[in-house]
Amino acid sequence: MTRWSQQMIGRRALALSAAAGLLCSCGFEPLYATNEAASRPALQSVRLAEVKASDIARPAVTRALARRTAPATSESEAEYSLSVTIREQAQPLAVQIDDSVTRYNYRLLADYVLTPADGGKEIKGKAEAVASFNVVASQYSTLYAEESAREKAARALAERIERDILLEFAGEDDPKKEAAAALSGQK
């Protein structure tokens, strides 16, 4: 290696180190970071109050939401309560010539309300999740595929609701939002 190429490698390493140091010192944190300590306090402050859904969908949705929003503390210590209303649809996708359906889209639609325990402003939102399943000759296999699609859609729905809640919590501390609210006289 020539002296010039060694100097270039050294300069590139120095520039890369400086860029990494600047990025870390600015407080940059990805929204989908897997830092449990950062995301858990917000999620632990939400209590799952009610899930309105059909008898078939309610258990799957309740399990999926409880894994993500159930507080570690008692219900009286929760800062928010979450109520969710679920609608489900099974939409035929693949229809054969003899009008038999061989594939369905299983769709869960949710309207949710996050209510602060201190009586503050409610946060309302909508979420949707879709999973597909095949209809096969074996009835047992078809029922299992439908149940698996229901569970998958419930997990995806819970993830979307969780993401929306985290985005709402992250937006509360937004200085631009606070400044705009102060200027408009909303605070």
Protein backbone atom coordinates (compact mmCIF):
# COMPACT_ATOMS: atom_id res chain seq x y z
CA MET A 1 0.00 0.00 0.00
CA THR A 2 1.19 3.43 -0.78
CA ARG A 3 1.41 6.14 1.78
CA TRP A 4 -1.38 8.07 0.05
CA SER A 5 -3.89 5.16 0.28
CA GLN A 6 -3.06 4.64 3.96
CA GLN A 7 -3.82 8.31 4.61
CA MET A 8 -7.14 8.03 2.74
CA ILE A 9 -8.16 4.97 4.79
CA GLY A 10 -7.27 6.83 7.98
CA ARG A 11 -9.26 9.91 6.92
CA ARG A 12 -12.30 7.82 6.01
CA ALA A 13 -12.19 6.01 9.35
CA LEU A 14 -11.91 9.35 11.17
CA ALA A 15 -14.84 10.81 9.20
CA LEU A 16 -16.97 7.72 9.87
CA SER A 17 -16.20 7.88 13.59
CA ALA A 18 -17.07 11.58 13.72
CA ALA A 19 -20.36 11.00 11.88
CA ALA A 20 -21.32 8.17 14.24
CA GLY A 21 -20.48 10.32 17.25
CA LEU A 22 -22.57 13.23 15.98
CA LEU A 23 -25.54 10.98 15.23
CA CYS A 24 -25.47 9.47 18.71
CA SER A 25 -25.08 12.81 20.47
CA CYS A 26 -28.05 14.45 18.73
CA GLY A 27 -30.55 12.19 20.52
CA PHE A 28 -31.60 10.31 17.39
CA GLU A 29 -33.74 7.29 18.23
CA PRO A 30 -35.62 5.28 15.60
CA LEU A 31 -39.38 5.04 16.16
CA TYR A 32 -39.30 1.26 15.85
CA ALA A 33 -36.29 0.83 18.12
CA THR A 34 -36.41 -2.31 20.22
CA ASN A 35 -35.36 -0.53 23.41
CA GLU A 36 -37.79 -2.12 25.87
CA ALA A 37 -36.99 0.39 28.61
CA ALA A 38 -38.06 3.28 26.39
CA SER A 39 -41.31 1.81 25.08
CA ARG A 40 -42.59 -0.14 28.06
CA PRO A 41 -43.53 2.74 30.38
CA ALA A 42 -45.95 4.18 27.80
CA LEU A 43 -47.50 0.80 27.09
CA GLN A 44 -47.66 -0.16 30.75
CA SER A 45 -49.75 2.92 31.45
CA VAL A 46 -52.57 1.63 29.20
CA ARG A 47 -55.21 -0.72 30.60
CA LEU A 48 -57.34 -2.77 28.21
CA ALA A 49 -60.84 -1.87 29.37
CA GLU A 50 -63.17 -3.41 26.82
CA VAL A 51 -63.15 -5.33 23.56
CA LYS A 52 -66.48 -5.39 21.72
CA ALA A 53 -66.40 -8.07 19.05
CA SER A 54 -68.12 -11.25 17.95
CA ASP A 55 -67.69 -14.30 20.17
CA ILE A 56 -65.35 -15.76 17.56
CA ALA A 57 -63.01 -12.76 17.19
CA ARG A 58 -63.03 -11.41 20.77
CA PRO A 59 -60.64 -13.97 22.35
CA ALA A 60 -57.98 -13.57 19.65
CA VAL A 61 -58.12 -9.77 19.71
CA THR A 62 -58.18 -9.63 23.51
CA ARG A 63 -55.10 -11.89 23.77
CA ALA A 64 -53.19 -9.87 21.18
CA LEU A 65 -54.00 -6.52 22.80
CA ALA A 66 -53.38 -7.77 26.34
CA ARG A 67 -49.85 -8.83 25.37
CA ARG A 68 -49.09 -5.30 24.22
CA THR A 69 -51.03 -2.99 26.51
CA ALA A 70 -51.67 -4.76 29.82
CA PRO A 71 -50.13 -2.78 32.65
CA ALA A 72 -47.75 -4.36 35.11
CA THR A 73 -49.36 -2.26 37.83
CA SER A 74 -52.89 -2.50 39.17
CA GLU A 75 -55.85 -1.15 37.20
CA SER A 76 -56.18 1.86 39.50
CA GLU A 77 -52.64 2.96 38.61
CA ALA A 78 -53.19 2.91 34.83
CA GLU A 79 -53.06 6.36 33.24
CA TYR A 80 -55.20 5.39 30.24
CA SER A 81 -57.91 2.89 29.41
CA LEU A 82 -58.36 1.42 25.94
CA SER A 83 -61.75 0.43 24.53
CA VAL A 84 -61.89 -1.30 21.16
CA THR A 85 -64.83 -2.16 18.90
CA ILE A 86 -64.07 -4.81 16.27
CA ARG A 87 -65.87 -5.66 13.05
CA GLU A 88 -64.84 -8.68 11.04
CA GLN A 89 -65.32 -9.53 7.39
CA ALA A 90 -64.55 -12.62 5.33
CA GLN A 91 -64.22 -11.56 1.70
CA PRO A 92 -64.10 -14.25 -1.01
CA LEU A 93 -61.03 -13.86 -3.22
CA ALA A 94 -60.79 -16.92 -5.44
CA VAL A 95 -64.13 -18.09 -6.83
CA GLN A 96 -64.13 -21.13 -9.09
CA ILE A 97 -66.39 -21.69 -12.12
CA ASP A 98 -68.79 -23.75 -10.00
CA ASP A 99 -69.11 -20.77 -7.55
CA SER A 100 -67.07 -22.48 -4.84
CA VAL A 101 -64.67 -20.20 -2.96
CA THR A 102 -61.10 -21.41 -2.50
CA ARG A 103 -59.53 -18.36 -0.81
CA TYR A 104 -60.76 -15.71 1.63
CA ASN A 105 -59.42 -12.45 3.00
CA TYR A 106 -60.17 -12.22 6.71
CA ARG A 107 -60.34 -8.54 7.68
CA LEU A 108 -60.52 -7.01 11.16
CA LEU A 109 -61.58 -3.38 11.44
CA ALA A 110 -61.16 -1.60 14.77
CA ASP A 111 -62.41 1.67 16.20
CA TYR A 112 -60.58 2.43 19.42
CA VAL A 113 -60.76 5.06 22.14
CA LEU A 114 -57.88 5.79 24.51
CA THR A 115 -59.26 7.58 27.57
CA PRO A 116 -56.98 9.30 30.10
CA ALA A 117 -57.78 8.44 33.73
CA ASP A 118 -57.51 12.12 34.67
CA GLY A 119 -60.40 12.99 32.36
CA GLY A 120 -58.29 14.61 29.64
CA LYS A 121 -58.93 14.56 25.92
CA GLU A 122 -59.83 11.15 24.46
CA ILE A 123 -57.77 9.85 21.59
CA LYS A 124 -59.83 8.08 18.93
CA GLY A 125 -58.52 6.07 16.03
CA LYS A 126 -59.14 3.36 13.48
CA ALA A 127 -57.01 0.39 12.52
CA GLU A 128 -57.32 -2.45 10.05
CA ALA A 129 -55.60 -5.78 9.49
CA VAL A 130 -56.01 -8.43 6.80
CA ALA A 131 -54.94 -12.08 6.65
CA SER A 132 -55.81 -14.65 3.99
CA PHE A 133 -56.60 -18.34 4.16
CA ASN A 134 -57.31 -21.13 1.68
CA VAL A 135 -60.35 -23.38 1.61
CA VAL A 136 -59.25 -26.96 1.00
CA ALA A 137 -60.98 -30.35 0.76
CA SER A 138 -60.33 -31.16 4.42
CA GLN A 139 -62.80 -29.33 6.65
CA TYR A 140 -60.43 -29.53 9.63
CA SER A 141 -57.60 -27.95 7.61
CA THR A 142 -59.89 -25.15 6.47
CA LEU A 143 -61.06 -24.43 10.04
CA TYR A 144 -57.46 -24.44 11.26
CA ALA A 145 -56.41 -22.09 8.44
CA GLU A 146 -59.29 -19.74 9.27
CA GLU A 147 -58.36 -19.71 12.97
CA SER A 148 -54.71 -19.06 12.08
CA ALA A 149 -55.74 -16.16 9.83
CA ARG A 150 -57.88 -14.75 12.66
CA GLU A 151 -54.94 -14.93 15.11
CA LYS A 152 -52.57 -13.38 12.57
CA ALA A 153 -54.99 -10.54 11.82
CA ALA A 154 -55.52 -9.96 15.56
CA ARG A 155 -51.76 -9.69 16.15
CA ALA A 156 -51.36 -7.29 13.22
CA LEU A 157 -54.28 -5.21 14.47
CA ALA A 158 -52.78 -5.03 17.97
CA GLU A 159 -49.45 -3.93 16.45
CA ARG A 160 -51.16 -1.14 14.51
CA ILE A 161 -53.07 0.08 17.56
CA GLU A 162 -49.87 -0.07 19.63
CA ARG A 163 -48.00 1.91 16.96
CA ASP A 164 -50.71 4.57 16.89
CA ILE A 165 -50.65 4.87 20.68
CA LEU A 166 -46.85 5.17 20.72
CA LEU A 167 -46.98 7.81 17.99
CA GLU A 168 -49.57 9.73 19.99
CA PHE A 169 -47.43 9.52 23.14
CA ALA A 170 -44.34 10.59 21.20
CA GLY A 171 -46.25 13.53 19.71
CA GLU A 172 -47.29 14.84 23.14
CA ASP A 173 -43.75 16.00 23.84
CA ASP A 174 -43.33 17.59 20.42
CA PRO A 175 -42.21 21.22 21.01
CA LYS A 176 -43.66 22.34 17.65
CA LYS A 177 -47.06 20.92 18.62
CA GLU A 178 -46.90 22.61 22.03
CA ALA A 179 -45.86 25.93 20.47
CA ALA A 180 -48.66 25.77 17.89
CA ALA A 181 -51.19 24.96 20.62
CA ALA A 182 -49.91 27.83 22.78
CA LEU A 183 -50.12 30.29 19.88
CA SER A 184 -53.65 29.24 19.03
CA GLY A 185 -54.69 29.45 22.69
CA GLN A 186 -55.52 25.77 23.07
CA LYS A 187 -53.34 25.09 26.11
